[in-house]
Amino acid sequence: ADGAYTVNAGATLDFSGGTHALGATSSVGGAGTVQMSGGTVNAAGGWAVTSPTVVNGGTFNYNNAAGGTTGTLDVISGTLGGTGLLQVSGTMTWSGGSLSGGGGTTRVLAGGTLAISGTAGRNFTAYTLELAGSGTWAGTHTVNTGVGAILRVLGGGTLDVQGDPTFTQNQGGTATRLQVLGTLTRTTSAGV
């Protein structure tokens, strides 16, 4: 479907089932919450959501290479993927679910924050997560990786690994890479 979808402050647009194809001339924006709680959203158009974009049970494939933005991004369960560039100006939390498929990128911008936490296992495959702001990686979860996934700390970005998460190459394909162009530290853990 094409067209403009504006979510007003205090409102929620919830994709709770089915498959939704938002074409190249579509746009989603506003100060409300956009949530994928079930089904699949394939978005190829503009994305300018100033409040949360939430992946909690559904699949969100962002496929616009020119890039879209969201104020915050919460990946709780379900899958964030696609071929495009989704930029986060505020906080991204990844407490469960997967970043997987399509070869796309989520970038936490300078001034933004990334929090990887929790105990839920998750997959990280054929996708890139970039951090230009500051981030923490805490918890005791397992991240199952492979198929060319990249975790990249950009110049000026900082990632502090806390706790004892497990990062395992077990999904086949090209090895996952950790690229550090900024700063990576490890604190508050007895692990290595």
Protein backbone atom coordinates (compact mmCIF):
# COMPACT_ATOMS: atom_id res chain seq x y z
CA ALA A 1 0.00 0.00 0.00
CA ASP A 2 1.20 3.47 -0.79
CA GLY A 3 0.22 6.67 0.91
CA ALA A 4 1.16 8.66 3.99
CA TYR A 5 0.57 7.23 7.47
CA THR A 6 0.83 9.73 10.33
CA VAL A 7 0.67 8.48 13.91
CA ASN A 8 -0.32 11.24 16.32
CA ALA A 9 1.31 11.68 19.73
CA GLY A 10 -0.23 9.26 22.22
CA ALA A 11 -1.56 6.96 19.49
CA THR A 12 -0.25 3.55 18.41
CA LEU A 13 -0.25 2.06 14.93
CA ASP A 14 -0.03 -1.69 15.60
CA PHE A 15 0.62 -4.17 12.81
CA SER A 16 -0.69 -7.27 14.61
CA GLY A 17 -0.99 -9.85 11.83
CA GLY A 18 -0.89 -10.52 8.10
CA THR A 19 1.62 -9.16 5.61
CA HIS A 20 1.77 -5.42 4.89
CA ALA A 21 3.69 -4.11 1.87
CA LEU A 22 4.34 -0.37 2.19
CA GLY A 23 5.61 0.66 -1.25
CA ALA A 24 8.39 3.01 -2.28
CA THR A 25 6.05 6.03 -2.38
CA SER A 26 4.62 5.37 1.09
CA SER A 27 5.66 7.21 4.23
CA VAL A 28 5.22 6.52 7.93
CA GLY A 29 5.79 9.28 10.44
CA GLY A 30 4.56 11.18 13.44
CA ALA A 31 5.06 11.39 17.19
CA GLY A 32 3.11 8.23 18.07
CA THR A 33 4.26 4.63 18.45
CA VAL A 34 4.56 2.23 15.50
CA GLN A 35 4.54 -1.40 16.63
CA MET A 36 4.96 -4.74 14.89
CA SER A 37 3.30 -7.18 17.31
CA GLY A 38 2.56 -9.88 14.72
CA GLY A 39 2.69 -10.54 11.01
CA THR A 40 5.18 -8.91 8.64
CA VAL A 41 5.73 -5.31 7.56
CA ASN A 42 7.83 -4.78 4.41
CA ALA A 43 8.43 -1.02 4.20
CA ALA A 44 10.19 0.47 1.16
CA GLY A 45 9.20 4.11 1.58
CA GLY A 46 9.97 6.91 3.99
CA TRP A 47 10.17 6.34 7.74
CA ALA A 48 10.23 9.40 10.03
CA VAL A 49 8.84 8.32 13.39
CA THR A 50 9.89 10.60 16.25
CA SER A 51 8.60 8.27 18.97
CA PRO A 52 9.17 4.54 19.38
CA THR A 53 9.30 1.96 16.65
CA VAL A 54 8.69 -1.33 18.47
CA VAL A 55 9.33 -4.86 17.20
CA ASN A 56 7.56 -7.15 19.67
CA GLY A 57 6.46 -10.40 18.05
CA GLY A 58 6.25 -9.40 14.40
CA THR A 59 8.72 -8.93 11.56
CA PHE A 60 9.79 -5.49 10.35
CA ASN A 61 11.78 -5.42 7.10
CA TYR A 62 12.91 -1.89 6.29
CA ASN A 63 13.95 -1.82 2.63
CA ASN A 64 14.71 1.82 1.80
CA ALA A 65 18.43 2.23 1.05
CA ALA A 66 18.11 6.03 1.25
CA GLY A 67 17.38 5.62 4.95
CA GLY A 68 14.67 6.34 7.46
CA THR A 69 14.74 7.52 11.06
CA THR A 70 13.07 6.73 14.35
CA GLY A 71 13.41 8.48 17.69
CA THR A 72 13.70 5.20 19.57
CA LEU A 73 13.80 1.57 18.54
CA ASP A 74 12.86 -1.35 20.80
CA VAL A 75 13.52 -4.89 19.60
CA ILE A 76 11.86 -7.12 22.21
CA SER A 77 10.90 -10.22 20.21
CA GLY A 78 10.28 -10.95 16.55
CA THR A 79 12.66 -9.86 13.78
CA LEU A 80 14.14 -6.62 12.49
CA GLY A 81 15.59 -7.05 9.00
CA GLY A 82 15.41 -5.81 5.44
CA THR A 83 17.81 -4.28 2.93
CA GLY A 84 17.61 -0.61 3.94
CA LEU A 85 19.15 1.79 6.46
CA LEU A 86 17.16 2.52 9.63
CA GLN A 87 18.71 5.29 11.74
CA VAL A 88 17.99 5.76 15.46
CA SER A 89 18.40 9.30 16.80
CA GLY A 90 17.68 8.43 20.45
CA THR A 91 17.77 5.08 22.23
CA MET A 92 17.82 1.59 20.76
CA THR A 93 17.14 -1.34 23.09
CA TRP A 94 17.68 -4.93 22.02
CA SER A 95 16.34 -7.18 24.77
CA GLY A 96 15.27 -10.14 22.61
CA GLY A 97 14.28 -11.09 19.11
CA SER A 98 16.52 -11.08 16.07
CA LEU A 99 18.37 -8.71 13.77
CA SER A 100 18.31 -10.88 10.71
CA GLY A 101 18.07 -11.02 6.98
CA GLY A 102 18.40 -8.91 3.89
CA GLY A 103 21.80 -7.33 4.51
CA GLY A 104 20.36 -4.06 5.83
CA THR A 105 21.68 -1.78 8.56
CA THR A 106 20.43 -0.20 11.76
CA ARG A 107 22.62 2.75 12.81
CA VAL A 108 22.46 4.40 16.24
CA LEU A 109 23.48 7.98 15.48
CA ALA A 110 25.97 10.14 17.40
CA GLY A 111 24.23 11.34 20.54
CA GLY A 112 22.08 8.20 20.57
CA THR A 113 22.41 5.20 22.87
CA LEU A 114 22.32 1.44 22.44
CA ALA A 115 21.37 -0.97 25.22
CA ILE A 116 21.77 -4.71 24.53
CA SER A 117 20.47 -6.56 27.56
CA GLY A 118 18.39 -9.36 29.01
CA THR A 119 18.51 -13.14 29.20
CA ALA A 120 16.56 -14.06 26.05
CA GLY A 121 18.56 -15.73 23.28
CA ARG A 122 18.57 -14.00 19.91
CA ASN A 123 19.88 -14.31 16.35
CA PHE A 124 22.12 -11.87 14.48
CA THR A 125 22.49 -12.92 10.83
CA ALA A 126 22.89 -11.18 7.45
CA TYR A 127 22.48 -7.76 9.08
CA THR A 128 24.64 -4.85 10.29
CA LEU A 129 24.30 -2.98 13.59
CA GLU A 130 26.30 0.26 13.75
CA LEU A 131 26.93 2.44 16.79
CA ALA A 132 28.02 6.06 16.44
CA GLY A 133 26.81 6.99 19.94
CA SER A 134 27.35 5.24 23.27
CA GLY A 135 26.25 1.75 24.16
CA THR A 136 26.20 -0.94 26.82
CA TRP A 137 26.00 -4.68 26.30
CA ALA A 138 24.86 -6.40 29.49
CA GLY A 139 23.07 -9.58 30.46
CA THR A 140 23.65 -13.30 30.19
CA HIS A 141 21.99 -14.02 26.84
CA THR A 142 23.34 -15.90 23.83
CA VAL A 143 23.62 -14.17 20.46
CA ASN A 144 23.63 -16.78 17.68
CA THR A 145 25.48 -15.28 14.72
CA GLY A 146 26.56 -15.94 11.16
CA VAL A 147 25.74 -15.27 7.50
CA GLY A 148 27.96 -12.17 7.39
CA ALA A 149 26.47 -10.16 10.26
CA ILE A 150 28.52 -7.12 11.35
CA LEU A 151 28.58 -5.31 14.70
CA ARG A 152 30.40 -2.05 13.99
CA VAL A 153 31.42 0.59 16.54
CA LEU A 154 31.95 3.68 14.39
CA GLY A 155 34.54 6.39 14.98
CA GLY A 156 33.41 8.40 18.01
CA GLY A 157 31.19 5.54 19.17
CA THR A 158 31.73 3.65 22.43
CA LEU A 159 30.52 0.20 23.49
CA ASP A 160 30.95 -1.04 27.06
CA VAL A 161 30.52 -4.82 27.38
CA GLN A 162 29.15 -5.65 30.83
CA GLY A 163 28.06 -9.00 32.22
CA ASP A 164 28.73 -12.24 30.39
CA PRO A 165 26.78 -12.49 27.13
CA THR A 166 27.76 -15.24 24.71
CA PHE A 167 28.44 -14.34 21.06
CA THR A 168 28.47 -17.59 19.06
CA GLN A 169 29.18 -18.15 15.35
CA ASN A 170 26.74 -21.04 14.78
CA GLN A 171 24.38 -19.95 11.99
CA GLY A 172 26.65 -20.83 9.06
CA GLY A 173 27.76 -18.71 6.14
CA THR A 174 30.34 -15.95 6.25
CA ALA A 175 31.72 -15.32 9.73
CA THR A 176 30.26 -12.50 11.79
CA ARG A 177 32.59 -9.54 12.28
CA LEU A 178 33.12 -7.14 15.15
CA GLN A 179 34.62 -3.94 13.72
CA VAL A 180 35.81 -1.36 16.22
CA LEU A 181 36.62 2.05 14.74
CA GLY A 182 35.68 3.78 18.00
CA THR A 183 36.11 2.45 21.56
CA LEU A 184 35.28 -0.98 22.99
CA THR A 185 35.65 -1.58 26.74
CA ARG A 186 34.75 -4.44 29.06
CA THR A 187 33.74 -3.67 32.65
CA THR A 188 31.86 -5.17 35.62
CA SER A 189 32.42 -8.81 34.75
CA ALA A 190 34.41 -11.73 36.06
CA GLY A 191 34.50 -13.25 32.57
CA VAL A 192 37.13 -12.84 29.91
